[in-house]
Amino acid sequence: MKRRLAIATAALVFIAAVFATSGRWLGTDDTVVGGLAQKAGVSQSRLLPWNLTGDLQLFVFCAGGAVAGFAIGYYWRALFNPGEGERRGANDHRSGKQAGS
């Protein structure tokens, strides 16, 4: 019981700290890349049709990459492995048999 109370308290403190400071923190693109772009004299362009600020844009691209990775992983054999018929022909060739006979 004490352990659950300690975990819940720590979680509430963490969430409160995030919400209390969220308005004052800039994303990594604004602080790091934006500063370097200003020094180089490059202007900022819009990448998406909607406006995402801070690290939300980074999260959206990361989530899209994760979805694409799971899809490619799921369809890996269909995308990159030869078909069943081609596989049989390759196995017959190794054993000395003619493919299709």
N, C-alpha and C. Protein backbone atom coordinates (compact mmCIF):
# COMPACT_ATOMS: atom_id res chain seq x y z
N MET A 1 0.82 -1.19 0.00
CA MET A 1 0.00 0.00 0.00
C MET A 1 0.87 1.26 0.00
N LYS A 2 1.93 1.24 0.82
CA LYS A 2 2.81 2.40 0.88
C LYS A 2 3.56 2.59 -0.43
N ARG A 3 3.90 1.48 -1.06
CA ARG A 3 4.62 1.55 -2.33
C ARG A 3 3.75 2.17 -3.41
N ARG A 4 2.49 1.78 -3.48
CA ARG A 4 1.57 2.35 -4.47
C ARG A 4 1.35 3.84 -4.22
N LEU A 5 1.25 4.21 -2.97
CA LEU A 5 1.07 5.63 -2.63
C LEU A 5 2.30 6.44 -3.03
N ALA A 6 3.49 5.88 -2.82
CA ALA A 6 4.72 6.58 -3.20
C ALA A 6 4.82 6.72 -4.71
N ILE A 7 4.45 5.67 -5.46
CA ILE A 7 4.50 5.73 -6.92
C ILE A 7 3.48 6.73 -7.44
N ALA A 8 2.28 6.73 -6.89
CA ALA A 8 1.25 7.67 -7.32
C ALA A 8 1.65 9.10 -7.01
N THR A 9 2.26 9.34 -5.86
CA THR A 9 2.71 10.67 -5.49
C THR A 9 3.81 11.15 -6.43
N ALA A 10 4.77 10.27 -6.72
CA ALA A 10 5.85 10.63 -7.63
C ALA A 10 5.31 10.94 -9.02
N ALA A 11 4.34 10.16 -9.49
CA ALA A 11 3.75 10.39 -10.80
C ALA A 11 3.01 11.72 -10.84
N LEU A 12 2.26 12.04 -9.80
CA LEU A 12 1.55 13.31 -9.75
C LEU A 12 2.50 14.50 -9.70
N VAL A 13 3.58 14.37 -8.96
CA VAL A 13 4.57 15.45 -8.91
C VAL A 13 5.21 15.65 -10.28
N PHE A 14 5.55 14.56 -10.94
CA PHE A 14 6.15 14.64 -12.28
C PHE A 14 5.19 15.30 -13.26
N ILE A 15 3.93 14.88 -13.27
CA ILE A 15 2.94 15.44 -14.19
C ILE A 15 2.71 16.91 -13.90
N ALA A 16 2.63 17.28 -12.63
CA ALA A 16 2.45 18.68 -12.26
C ALA A 16 3.64 19.52 -12.71
N ALA A 17 4.85 18.98 -12.58
CA ALA A 17 6.05 19.71 -13.01
C ALA A 17 6.07 19.91 -14.51
N VAL A 18 5.63 18.90 -15.26
CA VAL A 18 5.60 19.02 -16.72
C VAL A 18 4.60 20.09 -17.13
N PHE A 19 3.41 20.08 -16.55
CA PHE A 19 2.40 21.07 -16.91
C PHE A 19 2.78 22.47 -16.45
N ALA A 20 3.47 22.59 -15.33
CA ALA A 20 3.84 23.90 -14.81
C ALA A 20 4.93 24.55 -15.67
N THR A 21 5.79 23.76 -16.28
CA THR A 21 6.90 24.33 -17.06
C THR A 21 6.72 24.20 -18.55
N SER A 22 5.63 23.63 -19.03
CA SER A 22 5.48 23.35 -20.46
C SER A 22 5.43 24.62 -21.30
N GLY A 23 4.93 25.71 -20.79
CA GLY A 23 4.83 26.94 -21.56
C GLY A 23 6.16 27.65 -21.72
N ARG A 24 7.13 27.37 -20.89
CA ARG A 24 8.40 28.08 -20.93
C ARG A 24 9.49 27.34 -21.69
N TRP A 25 9.28 26.11 -22.03
CA TRP A 25 10.33 25.32 -22.67
C TRP A 25 10.13 25.30 -24.18
N LEU A 26 11.19 25.47 -24.92
CA LEU A 26 11.14 25.39 -26.37
C LEU A 26 11.58 23.99 -26.79
N GLY A 27 11.19 23.59 -27.97
CA GLY A 27 11.61 22.29 -28.48
C GLY A 27 13.05 22.33 -28.96
N THR A 28 13.61 21.17 -29.24
CA THR A 28 15.00 21.09 -29.69
C THR A 28 15.19 21.77 -31.04
N ASP A 29 14.19 21.72 -31.90
CA ASP A 29 14.31 22.40 -33.20
C ASP A 29 14.45 23.90 -33.01
N ASP A 30 13.68 24.45 -32.07
CA ASP A 30 13.73 25.89 -31.85
C ASP A 30 15.05 26.33 -31.21
N THR A 31 15.54 25.56 -30.26
CA THR A 31 16.73 25.98 -29.53
C THR A 31 18.02 25.68 -30.28
N VAL A 32 18.17 24.48 -30.80
CA VAL A 32 19.44 24.08 -31.42
C VAL A 32 19.45 24.43 -32.90
N VAL A 33 18.52 23.86 -33.65
CA VAL A 33 18.52 24.03 -35.10
C VAL A 33 18.17 25.47 -35.47
N GLY A 34 17.25 26.08 -34.74
CA GLY A 34 16.87 27.46 -35.02
C GLY A 34 18.02 28.42 -34.84
N GLY A 35 18.81 28.23 -33.79
CA GLY A 35 19.97 29.09 -33.57
C GLY A 35 21.02 28.95 -34.66
N LEU A 36 21.27 27.73 -35.08
CA LEU A 36 22.23 27.50 -36.16
C LEU A 36 21.72 28.05 -37.49
N ALA A 37 20.43 27.95 -37.73
CA ALA A 37 19.85 28.47 -38.97
C ALA A 37 19.94 29.99 -39.01
N GLN A 38 19.72 30.65 -37.88
CA GLN A 38 19.84 32.11 -37.83
C GLN A 38 21.27 32.54 -38.12
N LYS A 39 22.25 31.83 -37.57
CA LYS A 39 23.65 32.17 -37.82
C LYS A 39 24.01 31.98 -39.30
N ALA A 40 23.41 30.97 -39.93
CA ALA A 40 23.69 30.71 -41.34
C ALA A 40 22.87 31.59 -42.27
N GLY A 41 21.86 32.29 -41.74
CA GLY A 41 21.03 33.16 -42.55
C GLY A 41 19.96 32.43 -43.34
N VAL A 42 19.53 31.26 -42.86
CA VAL A 42 18.51 30.47 -43.54
C VAL A 42 17.16 30.75 -42.88
N SER A 43 16.13 30.96 -43.69
CA SER A 43 14.81 31.22 -43.12
C SER A 43 14.07 29.90 -42.88
N GLN A 44 13.13 29.93 -41.97
CA GLN A 44 12.36 28.75 -41.62
C GLN A 44 11.24 28.53 -42.63
N SER A 45 11.03 27.29 -43.04
CA SER A 45 9.94 26.98 -43.97
C SER A 45 8.96 26.05 -43.28
N ARG A 46 7.73 26.03 -43.78
CA ARG A 46 6.70 25.14 -43.22
C ARG A 46 6.86 23.77 -43.83
N LEU A 47 6.91 22.76 -42.97
CA LEU A 47 7.06 21.39 -43.44
C LEU A 47 5.71 20.70 -43.57
N LEU A 48 4.80 21.01 -42.69
CA LEU A 48 3.47 20.39 -42.69
C LEU A 48 2.41 21.45 -42.94
N PRO A 49 1.26 21.07 -43.44
CA PRO A 49 0.19 22.04 -43.68
C PRO A 49 -0.42 22.58 -42.39
N TRP A 50 -0.29 21.88 -41.29
CA TRP A 50 -0.79 22.37 -40.00
C TRP A 50 0.39 22.77 -39.14
N ASN A 51 0.13 23.55 -38.12
CA ASN A 51 1.18 24.10 -37.28
C ASN A 51 1.38 23.24 -36.04
N LEU A 52 2.53 22.59 -35.93
CA LEU A 52 2.90 21.83 -34.74
C LEU A 52 4.07 22.55 -34.10
N THR A 53 4.00 22.77 -32.80
CA THR A 53 5.05 23.53 -32.14
C THR A 53 5.86 22.64 -31.21
N GLY A 54 7.09 23.04 -30.99
CA GLY A 54 7.95 22.35 -30.04
C GLY A 54 8.26 20.93 -30.47
N ASP A 55 8.26 20.03 -29.51
CA ASP A 55 8.60 18.64 -29.79
C ASP A 55 7.41 17.82 -30.28
N LEU A 56 6.25 18.44 -30.41
CA LEU A 56 5.08 17.71 -30.93
C LEU A 56 5.32 17.26 -32.37
N GLN A 57 5.98 18.11 -33.17
CA GLN A 57 6.29 17.74 -34.54
C GLN A 57 7.25 16.54 -34.56
N LEU A 58 8.23 16.55 -33.69
CA LEU A 58 9.16 15.43 -33.59
C LEU A 58 8.44 14.15 -33.19
N PHE A 59 7.48 14.25 -32.27
CA PHE A 59 6.71 13.08 -31.84
C PHE A 59 5.87 12.53 -32.99
N VAL A 60 5.26 13.41 -33.78
CA VAL A 60 4.42 12.96 -34.90
C VAL A 60 5.26 12.21 -35.92
N PHE A 61 6.44 12.73 -36.25
CA PHE A 61 7.30 12.04 -37.21
C PHE A 61 7.84 10.73 -36.63
N CYS A 62 8.14 10.71 -35.34
CA CYS A 62 8.61 9.48 -34.70
C CYS A 62 7.51 8.42 -34.69
N ALA A 63 6.28 8.82 -34.39
CA ALA A 63 5.17 7.88 -34.40
C ALA A 63 4.91 7.35 -35.81
N GLY A 64 5.02 8.22 -36.83
CA GLY A 64 4.86 7.77 -38.20
C GLY A 64 5.94 6.77 -38.60
N GLY A 65 7.17 7.02 -38.15
CA GLY A 65 8.24 6.08 -38.42
C GLY A 65 8.03 4.74 -37.74
N ALA A 66 7.49 4.78 -36.52
CA ALA A 66 7.21 3.53 -35.81
C ALA A 66 6.12 2.74 -36.51
N VAL A 67 5.07 3.40 -36.97
CA VAL A 67 3.99 2.72 -37.69
C VAL A 67 4.53 2.12 -38.98
N ALA A 68 5.35 2.88 -39.71
CA ALA A 68 5.93 2.36 -40.95
C ALA A 68 6.86 1.18 -40.66
N GLY A 69 7.62 1.26 -39.58
CA GLY A 69 8.50 0.15 -39.21
C GLY A 69 7.74 -1.11 -38.87
N PHE A 70 6.65 -0.97 -38.13
CA PHE A 70 5.84 -2.14 -37.81
C PHE A 70 5.20 -2.73 -39.06
N ALA A 71 4.76 -1.87 -39.98
CA ALA A 71 4.15 -2.37 -41.22
C ALA A 71 5.18 -3.10 -42.06
N ILE A 72 6.38 -2.54 -42.19
CA ILE A 72 7.42 -3.22 -42.97
C ILE A 72 7.83 -4.52 -42.30
N GLY A 73 7.93 -4.52 -40.98
CA GLY A 73 8.26 -5.75 -40.27
C GLY A 73 7.20 -6.83 -40.45
N TYR A 74 5.94 -6.43 -40.47
CA TYR A 74 4.85 -7.38 -40.63
C TYR A 74 4.85 -7.99 -42.04
N TYR A 75 5.13 -7.17 -43.04
CA TYR A 75 5.10 -7.63 -44.42
C TYR A 75 6.50 -7.93 -44.97
N TRP A 76 7.48 -8.15 -44.10
CA TRP A 76 8.87 -8.34 -44.53
C TRP A 76 9.02 -9.47 -45.54
N ARG A 77 8.45 -10.62 -45.23
CA ARG A 77 8.59 -11.78 -46.13
C ARG A 77 7.93 -11.53 -47.47
N ALA A 78 6.79 -10.89 -47.48
CA ALA A 78 6.11 -10.61 -48.74
C ALA A 78 6.87 -9.57 -49.56
N LEU A 79 7.56 -8.66 -48.91
CA LEU A 79 8.28 -7.62 -49.63
C LEU A 79 9.64 -8.07 -50.15
N PHE A 80 10.40 -8.79 -49.34
CA PHE A 80 11.81 -9.02 -49.67
C PHE A 80 12.20 -10.47 -49.89
N ASN A 81 11.38 -11.43 -49.56
CA ASN A 81 11.71 -12.84 -49.80
C ASN A 81 11.11 -13.28 -51.12
N PRO A 82 11.77 -14.23 -51.81
CA PRO A 82 11.20 -14.71 -53.07
C PRO A 82 9.90 -15.47 -52.81
N GLY A 83 9.12 -15.61 -53.86
CA GLY A 83 7.85 -16.32 -53.76
C GLY A 83 8.05 -17.79 -53.48
N GLU A 84 6.97 -18.47 -53.13
CA GLU A 84 7.04 -19.90 -52.79
C GLU A 84 7.51 -20.73 -53.97
N GLY A 85 7.06 -20.40 -55.17
CA GLY A 85 7.46 -21.16 -56.35
C GLY A 85 8.94 -20.97 -56.66
N GLU A 86 9.44 -19.77 -56.52
CA GLU A 86 10.86 -19.52 -56.77
C GLU A 86 11.72 -20.24 -55.75
N ARG A 87 11.24 -20.33 -54.53
CA ARG A 87 12.00 -20.99 -53.47
C ARG A 87 12.12 -22.49 -53.77
N ARG A 88 11.05 -23.10 -54.25
CA ARG A 88 11.11 -24.52 -54.58
C ARG A 88 12.10 -24.77 -55.71
N GLY A 89 12.09 -23.91 -56.71
CA GLY A 89 13.01 -24.07 -57.82
C GLY A 89 14.46 -23.94 -57.38
N ALA A 90 14.75 -23.06 -56.46
CA ALA A 90 16.11 -22.89 -55.97
C ALA A 90 16.54 -24.12 -55.17
N ASN A 91 15.64 -24.72 -54.40
CA ASN A 91 15.98 -25.91 -53.64
C ASN A 91 16.20 -27.10 -54.56
N ASP A 92 15.40 -27.22 -55.63
CA ASP A 92 15.58 -28.32 -56.57
C ASP A 92 16.91 -28.19 -57.31
N HIS A 93 17.32 -26.98 -57.60
CA HIS A 93 18.58 -26.75 -58.31
C HIS A 93 19.77 -27.21 -57.47
N ARG A 94 19.71 -26.99 -56.17
CA ARG A 94 20.80 -27.41 -55.29
C ARG A 94 20.92 -28.92 -55.22
N SER A 95 19.81 -29.61 -55.31
CA SER A 95 19.85 -31.07 -55.20
C SER A 95 20.13 -31.74 -56.54
N GLY A 96 20.27 -30.96 -57.60
CA GLY A 96 20.59 -31.54 -58.91
C GLY A 96 19.37 -31.78 -59.75
N LYS A 97 18.15 -31.53 -59.28
CA LYS A 97 16.94 -31.74 -60.06
C LYS A 97 16.66 -30.52 -60.91
N GLN A 98 15.98 -30.70 -62.01
CA GLN A 98 15.58 -29.62 -62.88
C GLN A 98 14.33 -28.97 -62.32
N ALA A 99 14.25 -27.66 -62.35
CA ALA A 99 13.06 -26.96 -61.89
C ALA A 99 11.92 -27.22 -62.87
N GLY A 100 10.77 -27.57 -62.37
CA GLY A 100 9.60 -27.79 -63.20
C GLY A 100 9.45 -29.23 -63.65
N SER A 101 10.37 -30.13 -63.32
CA SER A 101 10.20 -31.51 -63.74
C SER A 101 9.91 -32.41 -62.58
